Amino acid sequence: MNPFRKRLVLLLASLITGAVVLITVLGSYIAVASQRSGFHSETGSWGAFLIFGLLFGASYICVFVITAVPLYLLLPVERFPGGAWAFIGTLIFGCGIPISNRFFSGPTDPGSSIVEAALGCVAGLAASSVLFVLSRRSSHQHPCE
């Protein structure tokens, strides 16, 4: 397989993994929050999950395309230790998700920003870890290839 194409496949796998983790954690958070007596949503818990899932999904994809794609294509993953790559991904997404959510939803309270940052950190950690592991595995050439 073409090396550039292989890198794009790895990026796509990382994007999907981070999105799945983000939506899973967000769904868990909404399920727990909807059990509190102070949870007021006009759309109910399913509607809140759909709305916030789309919001966070759009923010995640924007941050991924703006930061992760150029970073991965410019910096060779193989030269960094796994912990450093995971820290970089966690930091980028932990800061990027709350910032990009401001473009989609406008200003919110500080508590929401903390939750957004935590969701971004979890998604960034998952995406960067998958990207690192798959990059390491694909860099080892198999004798049959």
Protein backbone atom coordinates (compact mmCIF):
# COMPACT_ATOMS: atom_id res chain seq x y z
CA MET A 1 0.00 0.00 0.00
CA ASN A 2 1.14 3.53 -0.77
CA PRO A 3 2.76 5.12 2.35
CA PHE A 4 0.64 8.28 2.07
CA ARG A 5 -2.52 6.21 1.72
CA LYS A 6 -1.49 4.12 4.72
CA ARG A 7 -1.10 7.30 6.78
CA LEU A 8 -4.57 8.47 5.73
CA VAL A 9 -6.08 5.13 6.75
CA LEU A 10 -4.39 5.44 10.16
CA LEU A 11 -5.76 8.97 10.53
CA LEU A 12 -9.26 7.76 9.68
CA ALA A 13 -9.02 4.95 12.25
CA SER A 14 -7.88 7.47 14.84
CA LEU A 15 -10.70 9.88 13.94
CA ILE A 16 -13.33 7.17 14.28
CA THR A 17 -11.93 5.89 17.57
CA GLY A 18 -11.87 9.35 19.12
CA ALA A 19 -15.41 10.09 17.92
CA VAL A 20 -16.75 6.82 19.33
CA VAL A 21 -15.08 7.44 22.68
CA LEU A 22 -16.35 11.04 22.76
CA ILE A 23 -19.95 10.04 22.00
CA THR A 24 -19.81 7.15 24.49
CA VAL A 25 -18.55 9.33 27.33
CA LEU A 26 -21.00 12.10 26.40
CA GLY A 27 -23.90 9.63 26.41
CA SER A 28 -22.85 8.33 29.81
CA TYR A 29 -22.62 11.87 31.16
CA ILE A 30 -26.08 12.79 29.84
CA ALA A 31 -27.56 9.56 31.23
CA VAL A 32 -26.17 10.33 34.67
CA ALA A 33 -27.10 14.02 34.49
CA SER A 34 -30.67 13.23 33.44
CA GLN A 35 -31.17 11.25 36.65
CA ARG A 36 -30.63 14.36 38.78
CA SER A 37 -33.69 16.26 39.89
CA GLY A 38 -32.36 19.55 38.48
CA PHE A 39 -32.00 18.28 34.90
CA HIS A 40 -34.30 20.30 32.68
CA SER A 41 -34.26 19.58 28.99
CA GLU A 42 -37.12 20.46 26.69
CA THR A 43 -36.11 17.62 24.40
CA GLY A 44 -35.58 14.94 27.05
CA SER A 45 -32.44 12.89 27.53
CA TRP A 46 -32.49 11.41 24.00
CA GLY A 47 -32.91 14.81 22.41
CA ALA A 48 -30.16 16.25 24.60
CA PHE A 49 -27.87 13.39 23.58
CA LEU A 50 -28.63 13.98 19.89
CA ILE A 51 -28.10 17.74 20.08
CA PHE A 52 -24.96 17.61 22.20
CA GLY A 53 -23.66 14.63 20.24
CA LEU A 54 -23.88 16.61 17.02
CA LEU A 55 -22.31 19.66 18.67
CA PHE A 56 -19.40 17.77 20.17
CA GLY A 57 -19.00 15.63 17.05
CA ALA A 58 -18.70 18.71 14.85
CA SER A 59 -16.25 20.29 17.30
CA TYR A 60 -14.18 17.11 17.45
CA ILE A 61 -13.97 16.79 13.68
CA CYS A 62 -12.97 20.46 13.33
CA VAL A 63 -10.22 20.15 15.92
CA PHE A 64 -9.05 16.88 14.38
CA VAL A 65 -8.83 18.31 10.87
CA ILE A 66 -7.21 21.59 11.96
CA THR A 67 -4.62 20.14 14.35
CA ALA A 68 -4.20 16.37 14.23
CA VAL A 69 -4.00 15.90 10.48
CA PRO A 70 -1.20 18.46 9.88
CA LEU A 71 0.61 17.39 13.05
CA TYR A 72 0.56 13.74 12.04
CA LEU A 73 1.56 14.41 8.45
CA LEU A 74 4.42 16.72 9.44
CA LEU A 75 5.82 14.95 12.51
CA PRO A 76 6.90 11.33 12.32
CA VAL A 77 5.07 9.47 15.08
CA GLU A 78 7.80 6.85 15.28
CA ARG A 79 10.29 9.37 16.72
CA PHE A 80 8.19 10.24 19.77
CA PRO A 81 7.57 8.02 22.79
CA GLY A 82 3.97 6.92 23.27
CA GLY A 83 3.50 8.97 26.43
CA ALA A 84 4.55 12.19 24.70
CA TRP A 85 2.26 11.56 21.74
CA ALA A 86 -0.67 10.78 24.07
CA PHE A 87 0.04 13.93 26.10
CA ILE A 88 0.12 16.08 22.96
CA GLY A 89 -3.21 14.66 21.76
CA THR A 90 -4.81 15.08 25.18
CA LEU A 91 -3.63 18.67 25.44
CA ILE A 92 -4.70 19.63 21.92
CA PHE A 93 -8.19 18.19 22.22
CA GLY A 94 -8.65 19.25 25.84
CA CYS A 95 -8.11 22.86 24.76
CA GLY A 96 -9.56 22.61 21.27
CA ILE A 97 -13.01 21.17 22.01
CA PRO A 98 -14.11 24.00 24.37
CA ILE A 99 -12.73 26.63 21.98
CA SER A 100 -14.46 25.18 18.92
CA ASN A 101 -17.71 24.70 20.88
CA ARG A 102 -17.78 28.48 21.41
CA PHE A 103 -18.12 28.87 17.65
CA PHE A 104 -21.05 26.45 17.51
CA SER A 105 -22.92 27.28 20.73
CA GLY A 106 -21.73 30.67 21.96
CA PRO A 107 -20.58 31.49 25.51
CA THR A 108 -21.46 29.11 28.32
CA ASP A 109 -20.76 28.86 32.04
CA PRO A 110 -17.35 27.74 33.37
CA GLY A 111 -18.76 24.40 34.55
CA SER A 112 -19.70 23.49 30.99
CA SER A 113 -16.24 24.43 29.77
CA ILE A 114 -14.68 22.07 32.31
CA VAL A 115 -16.91 19.21 31.13
CA GLU A 116 -16.09 20.04 27.50
CA ALA A 117 -12.36 20.06 28.28
CA ALA A 118 -12.65 16.71 30.08
CA LEU A 119 -14.52 15.19 27.12
CA GLY A 120 -11.89 16.59 24.77
CA CYS A 121 -9.07 15.15 26.86
CA VAL A 122 -10.62 11.68 26.84
CA ALA A 123 -11.25 11.76 23.09
CA GLY A 124 -7.77 13.16 22.42
CA LEU A 125 -6.12 10.51 24.55
CA ALA A 126 -8.00 7.74 22.73
CA ALA A 127 -7.36 9.14 19.25
CA SER A 128 -3.67 9.85 19.80
CA SER A 129 -3.06 6.49 21.47
CA VAL A 130 -4.70 4.59 18.61
CA LEU A 131 -2.75 6.65 16.08
CA PHE A 132 0.51 5.93 17.90
CA VAL A 133 -0.09 2.20 18.28
CA LEU A 134 -1.26 1.71 14.70
CA SER A 135 1.64 3.79 13.37
CA ARG A 136 4.13 1.68 15.28
CA ARG A 137 2.53 -1.54 14.06
CA SER A 138 2.42 -0.41 10.44
CA SER A 139 6.05 0.73 10.49
CA HIS A 140 7.21 -2.84 11.12
CA GLN A 141 7.46 -4.53 7.74
CA HIS A 142 6.20 -8.06 7.48
CA PRO A 143 8.38 -10.53 5.56
CA CYS A 144 5.47 -11.43 3.26
CA GLU A 145 5.07 -7.85 1.97
